[in-house]
Protein backbone atom coordinates (compact mmCIF):
# COMPACT_ATOMS: atom_id res chain seq x y z
CA MET A 1 69.17 35.05 32.23
CA LYS A 2 66.46 32.50 32.60
CA LYS A 3 66.20 30.28 29.57
CA CYS A 4 62.83 29.76 27.98
CA GLY A 5 61.74 26.19 28.36
CA THR A 6 60.16 24.17 25.56
CA LEU A 7 56.60 22.93 25.90
CA LYS A 8 56.24 19.21 26.32
CA ARG A 9 53.45 17.56 24.33
CA GLU A 10 51.51 14.86 26.14
CA PRO A 11 51.53 11.49 24.43
CA PHE A 12 48.56 10.91 22.09
CA ASN A 13 46.00 8.85 24.00
CA ASN A 14 44.36 6.44 21.57
CA TYR A 15 41.89 5.13 24.14
CA TYR A 16 40.23 8.49 24.79
CA MET A 17 40.15 9.39 21.11
CA ILE A 18 38.43 6.10 20.26
CA GLN A 19 35.86 6.64 23.03
CA TYR A 20 35.22 10.15 21.76
CA ALA A 21 34.73 8.89 18.18
CA ILE A 22 32.29 6.19 19.36
CA ARG A 23 30.20 8.74 21.25
CA ILE A 24 30.06 11.04 18.22
CA SER A 25 28.95 8.11 16.00
CA VAL A 26 26.19 7.15 18.41
CA LEU A 27 24.94 10.74 18.61
CA LEU A 28 24.92 11.07 14.82
CA SER A 29 23.03 7.77 14.46
CA LEU A 30 20.41 8.91 16.95
CA LEU A 31 20.10 12.22 15.13
CA VAL A 32 19.53 10.47 11.76
CA PHE A 33 17.00 8.08 13.33
CA CYS A 34 15.04 10.89 14.96
CA THR A 35 15.11 12.99 11.81
CA CYS A 36 13.84 10.09 9.66
CA GLY A 37 11.08 9.35 12.14
CA SER A 38 9.94 12.96 12.29
CA ASP A 39 10.11 13.29 8.48
CA GLN A 40 7.98 10.19 8.11
CA GLN A 41 5.41 11.58 10.53
CA LYS A 42 5.45 14.92 8.71
CA GLU A 43 5.08 13.46 5.20
CA ALA A 44 2.45 10.85 6.05
CA LEU A 45 -1.09 11.34 4.78
CA HIS A 46 -3.54 11.92 7.62
CA ILE A 47 -6.32 9.34 7.83
CA PRO A 48 -9.37 10.39 9.91
CA HIS A 49 -11.20 8.38 12.54
CA LEU A 50 -14.78 8.01 11.25
CA ASN A 51 -17.80 5.84 11.91
CA ILE A 52 -18.35 4.05 8.60
CA THR A 53 -21.10 1.64 7.60
CA VAL A 54 -20.15 -0.59 4.66
CA ASP A 55 -23.38 -0.37 2.68
CA GLY A 56 -22.47 1.29 -0.62
CA ASN A 57 -23.72 4.71 0.49
CA THR A 58 -21.27 7.62 0.58
CA GLY A 59 -22.91 9.96 3.11
CA ASP A 60 -20.63 9.01 6.03
CA TRP A 61 -17.48 9.79 3.98
CA ASN A 62 -17.95 13.55 3.56
CA SER A 63 -15.20 14.57 6.01
CA ALA A 64 -12.57 12.14 4.65
CA PRO A 65 -9.87 13.56 2.33
CA LEU A 66 -10.13 12.71 -1.35
CA PHE A 67 -7.19 11.14 -3.21
CA GLN A 68 -7.26 11.10 -7.02
CA MET A 69 -5.69 8.79 -9.59
CA ASP A 70 -6.56 10.30 -12.96
CA SER A 71 -3.44 11.13 -14.96
CA LYS A 72 -0.79 9.49 -17.15
CA ASP A 73 1.64 9.78 -14.24
CA HIS A 74 -0.26 6.98 -12.47
CA LEU A 75 -0.07 4.53 -15.38
CA TRP A 76 2.07 1.44 -14.83
CA ILE A 77 4.00 0.68 -18.01
CA GLY A 78 5.42 -2.77 -18.79
CA GLU A 79 4.46 -6.42 -19.33
CA GLY A 80 2.39 -5.56 -22.39
CA LEU A 81 0.83 -2.42 -20.90
CA PRO A 82 1.76 0.59 -23.10
CA GLU A 83 0.78 4.13 -22.20
CA GLY A 84 -1.24 4.59 -25.39
CA ARG A 85 -4.06 2.25 -24.39
CA TRP A 86 -5.36 4.70 -21.79
CA THR A 87 -7.56 7.30 -23.48
CA GLY A 88 -8.34 9.63 -20.57
CA LYS A 89 -10.22 10.03 -17.30
CA LYS A 90 -13.46 8.57 -18.68
CA ASP A 91 -11.59 5.45 -19.72
CA LEU A 92 -10.16 4.86 -16.23
CA SER A 93 -9.75 7.05 -13.15
CA VAL A 94 -10.59 6.74 -9.47
CA SER A 95 -11.18 8.78 -6.35
CA VAL A 96 -10.27 7.14 -3.05
CA ARG A 97 -11.20 7.92 0.55
CA ILE A 98 -9.66 6.12 3.55
CA ALA A 99 -10.69 6.09 7.22
CA TRP A 100 -10.31 3.97 10.34
CA SER A 101 -12.29 3.14 13.47
CA GLY A 102 -11.54 0.67 16.25
CA GLN A 103 -9.40 -2.04 14.64
CA LYS A 104 -10.72 -1.55 11.11
CA LEU A 105 -9.50 0.26 8.03
CA TYR A 106 -12.16 1.53 5.64
CA PHE A 107 -11.99 2.41 1.94
CA LEU A 108 -14.30 4.03 -0.56
CA PHE A 109 -13.42 3.66 -4.25
CA GLU A 110 -15.41 5.56 -6.86
CA VAL A 111 -14.11 4.34 -10.22
CA THR A 112 -14.79 5.86 -13.60
CA ASP A 113 -14.64 3.09 -16.21
CA ASP A 114 -16.39 3.27 -19.57
CA THR A 115 -16.58 -0.52 -20.10
CA LEU A 116 -17.17 -2.91 -17.20
CA SER A 117 -15.65 -6.38 -16.98
CA ARG A 118 -17.49 -9.68 -17.24
CA PHE A 119 -15.12 -11.12 -14.57
CA ASP A 120 -14.36 -14.24 -16.59
CA ARG A 121 -10.59 -13.83 -16.93
CA GLU A 122 -8.34 -16.51 -15.43
CA PHE A 123 -6.48 -14.25 -12.99
CA THR A 124 -7.99 -11.51 -10.83
CA TRP A 125 -5.78 -8.71 -12.17
CA GLU A 126 -6.92 -9.41 -15.76
CA ASN A 127 -10.41 -8.17 -14.84
CA ASP A 128 -11.64 -4.80 -13.59
CA CYS A 129 -10.03 -4.95 -10.18
CA ILE A 130 -9.10 -2.86 -7.15
CA GLU A 131 -5.78 -3.74 -5.51
CA ILE A 132 -4.82 -2.72 -1.97
CA HIS A 133 -1.17 -3.32 -1.08
CA LEU A 134 -0.79 -3.13 2.68
CA ASP A 135 2.23 -2.85 4.97
CA PRO A 136 0.36 -2.80 8.32
CA GLU A 137 3.48 -2.48 10.50
CA ASN A 138 5.39 -0.16 8.15
CA ARG A 139 8.23 -2.66 7.81
CA GLU A 140 9.08 -1.86 4.17
CA GLY A 141 11.30 -4.29 2.27
CA GLU A 142 10.05 -7.55 0.80
CA ARG A 143 6.32 -8.23 1.11
CA ILE A 144 6.70 -12.02 1.19
CA ARG A 145 9.90 -13.37 2.65
CA GLY A 146 12.24 -14.89 0.10
CA ILE A 147 10.09 -14.05 -2.93
CA THR A 148 11.54 -12.14 -5.87
CA GLU A 149 10.05 -10.79 -9.09
CA GLY A 150 11.13 -13.82 -11.11
CA ASP A 151 9.53 -16.46 -8.86
CA PRO A 152 6.38 -18.28 -10.07
CA LEU A 153 3.05 -17.44 -8.40
CA GLU A 154 2.94 -20.85 -6.70
CA ALA A 155 6.21 -20.10 -4.88
CA ARG A 156 4.38 -17.65 -2.61
CA ILE A 157 2.12 -20.32 -1.11
CA GLY A 158 3.02 -21.17 2.49
CA ARG A 159 5.55 -18.33 2.83
CA GLU A 160 5.64 -15.76 5.63
CA ASN A 161 3.88 -12.46 5.01
CA ASN A 162 5.31 -9.08 5.92
CA GLY A 163 2.46 -7.38 4.08
CA TYR A 164 -0.55 -8.13 1.92
CA GLU A 165 -1.72 -7.80 -1.67
CA MET A 166 -5.53 -7.69 -1.72
CA HIS A 167 -7.79 -7.80 -4.79
CA PHE A 168 -11.46 -6.79 -4.91
CA LEU A 169 -13.49 -7.44 -8.06
CA PRO A 170 -16.68 -5.32 -8.35
CA ALA A 171 -18.83 -8.26 -9.47
CA GLN A 172 -22.24 -9.11 -8.01
CA PRO A 173 -21.56 -10.32 -5.40
CA PRO A 174 -18.02 -8.90 -5.06
CA LYS A 175 -15.09 -11.31 -5.36
CA VAL A 176 -12.43 -10.96 -2.65
CA PHE A 177 -8.80 -12.16 -2.53
CA VAL A 178 -6.61 -11.10 0.40
CA ASP A 179 -3.67 -13.47 0.89
CA ASP A 180 -1.63 -14.90 -1.97
CA THR A 181 0.37 -17.12 0.42
CA ARG A 182 -2.84 -19.18 0.75
CA GLY A 183 -3.37 -19.66 -2.98
CA VAL A 184 -2.91 -18.17 -6.44
CA PHE A 185 -5.43 -15.44 -7.21
CA TYR A 186 -7.53 -17.31 -9.75
CA THR A 187 -10.79 -15.46 -10.44
CA ASP A 188 -12.91 -18.56 -9.66
CA SER A 189 -11.11 -19.30 -6.34
CA THR A 190 -12.35 -16.50 -4.10
CA GLN A 191 -11.35 -15.91 -0.47
CA ASN A 192 -14.61 -14.22 0.59
CA ARG A 193 -15.26 -16.53 3.53
CA TYR A 194 -11.69 -16.25 4.77
CA PHE A 195 -11.93 -12.46 4.46
CA GLN A 196 -15.09 -12.41 6.56
CA ARG A 197 -13.75 -14.80 9.21
CA ALA A 198 -10.07 -13.89 9.61
CA TRP A 199 -10.23 -10.20 8.65
CA ASN A 200 -13.69 -9.35 10.01
CA GLY A 201 -14.10 -8.15 6.44
CA GLU A 202 -16.97 -6.37 4.74
CA VAL A 203 -17.39 -5.29 1.13
CA SER A 204 -20.13 -3.66 -0.91
CA ALA A 205 -20.07 -2.98 -4.65
CA ARG A 206 -22.48 -1.46 -7.16
CA ASP A 207 -22.43 -0.10 -10.67
CA THR A 208 -22.70 3.66 -11.16
CA GLU A 209 -23.52 5.85 -14.13
CA ASP A 210 -19.81 6.28 -14.96
CA GLY A 211 -18.37 3.01 -13.68
CA TYR A 212 -18.58 1.38 -10.26
CA LEU A 213 -18.27 1.97 -6.51
CA VAL A 214 -16.64 -0.32 -3.96
CA GLU A 215 -16.71 0.15 -0.17
CA ILE A 216 -14.48 -2.01 2.02
CA GLY A 217 -13.78 -2.51 5.73
CA PHE A 218 -11.39 -4.97 7.38
CA ASP A 219 -9.26 -5.67 10.43
CA PRO A 220 -5.66 -6.51 9.33
CA PRO A 221 -4.73 -9.80 11.08
CA GLY A 222 -2.19 -9.42 13.89
CA SER A 223 -2.10 -5.63 13.62
CA ASP A 224 -3.16 -3.22 16.35
CA LEU A 225 -4.58 0.05 15.04
CA SER A 226 -4.15 3.13 17.23
CA ARG A 227 -3.89 6.89 16.92
CA ASP A 228 -0.63 8.13 15.33
CA LYS A 229 0.23 4.69 13.98
CA ILE A 230 1.98 4.80 10.59
CA ILE A 231 1.15 2.15 7.99
CA GLY A 232 2.40 1.70 4.44
CA MET A 233 0.06 1.37 1.49
CA ASP A 234 -0.23 1.40 -2.26
CA ILE A 235 -3.28 1.06 -4.49
CA GLY A 236 -3.69 -0.33 -7.99
CA ILE A 237 -6.67 -0.13 -10.36
CA CYS A 238 -6.89 -2.65 -13.23
CA ASP A 239 -8.96 -2.01 -16.35
CA ASP A 240 -10.16 -4.88 -18.55
CA ASP A 241 -12.30 -3.26 -21.31
CA GLY A 242 -12.54 -6.69 -22.97
CA MET A 243 -8.76 -6.90 -23.42
CA GLY A 244 -7.64 -8.60 -20.18
CA ARG A 245 -6.01 -5.77 -18.18
CA LYS A 246 -5.85 -3.09 -20.82
CA SER A 247 -4.29 -0.62 -18.40
CA LEU A 248 -3.21 -0.30 -14.78
CA MET A 249 -2.93 2.71 -12.49
CA VAL A 250 -0.74 2.78 -9.36
CA TRP A 251 -1.19 5.33 -6.58
CA SER A 252 2.51 5.70 -5.72
CA ARG A 253 3.49 6.11 -9.41
CA PHE A 254 6.15 3.44 -8.80
CA ASN A 255 6.82 1.68 -12.10
CA GLY A 256 8.72 -1.25 -10.62
CA PRO A 257 7.50 -4.53 -9.05
CA PHE A 258 5.02 -2.96 -6.61
CA TRP A 259 3.65 -6.42 -5.77
CA ILE A 260 7.06 -7.57 -4.47
CA THR A 261 8.59 -4.69 -2.49
CA MET A 262 6.96 -2.31 -0.01
CA ASP A 263 9.74 0.30 -0.07
CA HIS A 264 7.80 2.68 -2.32
CA PHE A 265 4.49 2.58 -0.39
CA LYS A 266 2.83 5.79 0.69
CA LYS A 267 2.72 6.41 4.45
CA LEU A 268 -0.62 6.85 6.23
CA ARG A 269 -0.91 8.25 9.74
CA LEU A 270 -4.02 7.35 11.72
CA GLN A 271 -5.47 10.47 13.35
């Protein structure tokens, strides 16, 4: 009778198993990267390509989507800003439209504010003020390299920017501040000329029956705008009402240091 033989197991080959594991890791990494990229494209707000004239008139904005900031959810709480100071939409609210054309981003802010500022506070954000927080290359992370929440304002000067914090005061004429690595945002130290020269910037502001309107256009330095580009952005609206920043609304609803990190910014996709 023929005896049944036993099966011989081949020695475990560590080399091939390691190579197999590496290939699986690479494939999984690529899958996560592609998924994140597609999710970001899917979730981004679509920003239309429009021909805009910065003149304070709203007729060329009719086809741009409208974004609202008008609820308690948008209030930033902290640093002496309690929720109870905001009394409703007539106290402070804003509708925002955003567009792009060529190398410029355009903004239309229609702000409801029952008491307008005299623009005599020491710092820009203590007045009625529009803030645009811009991550033009969608880098996320720290806005100014090496700067943390606890650092003094002067520590930002001369540092490298990854993004920008821009302030626009609806005075007559408007007061513009676009780069806090060039200087502290003191209300009497405007950057209007720099904005016009380095950003090809334009701004128009006027009072309205319920508050004020601000229209803005600029070319972010060193950034190339093109169709399907994703940029990061947040918006803040400061309300003075004679109290020196009585309340503050933030588009992203992020209640942390939105002036330091760009991780929470909304994503905008240029159409």
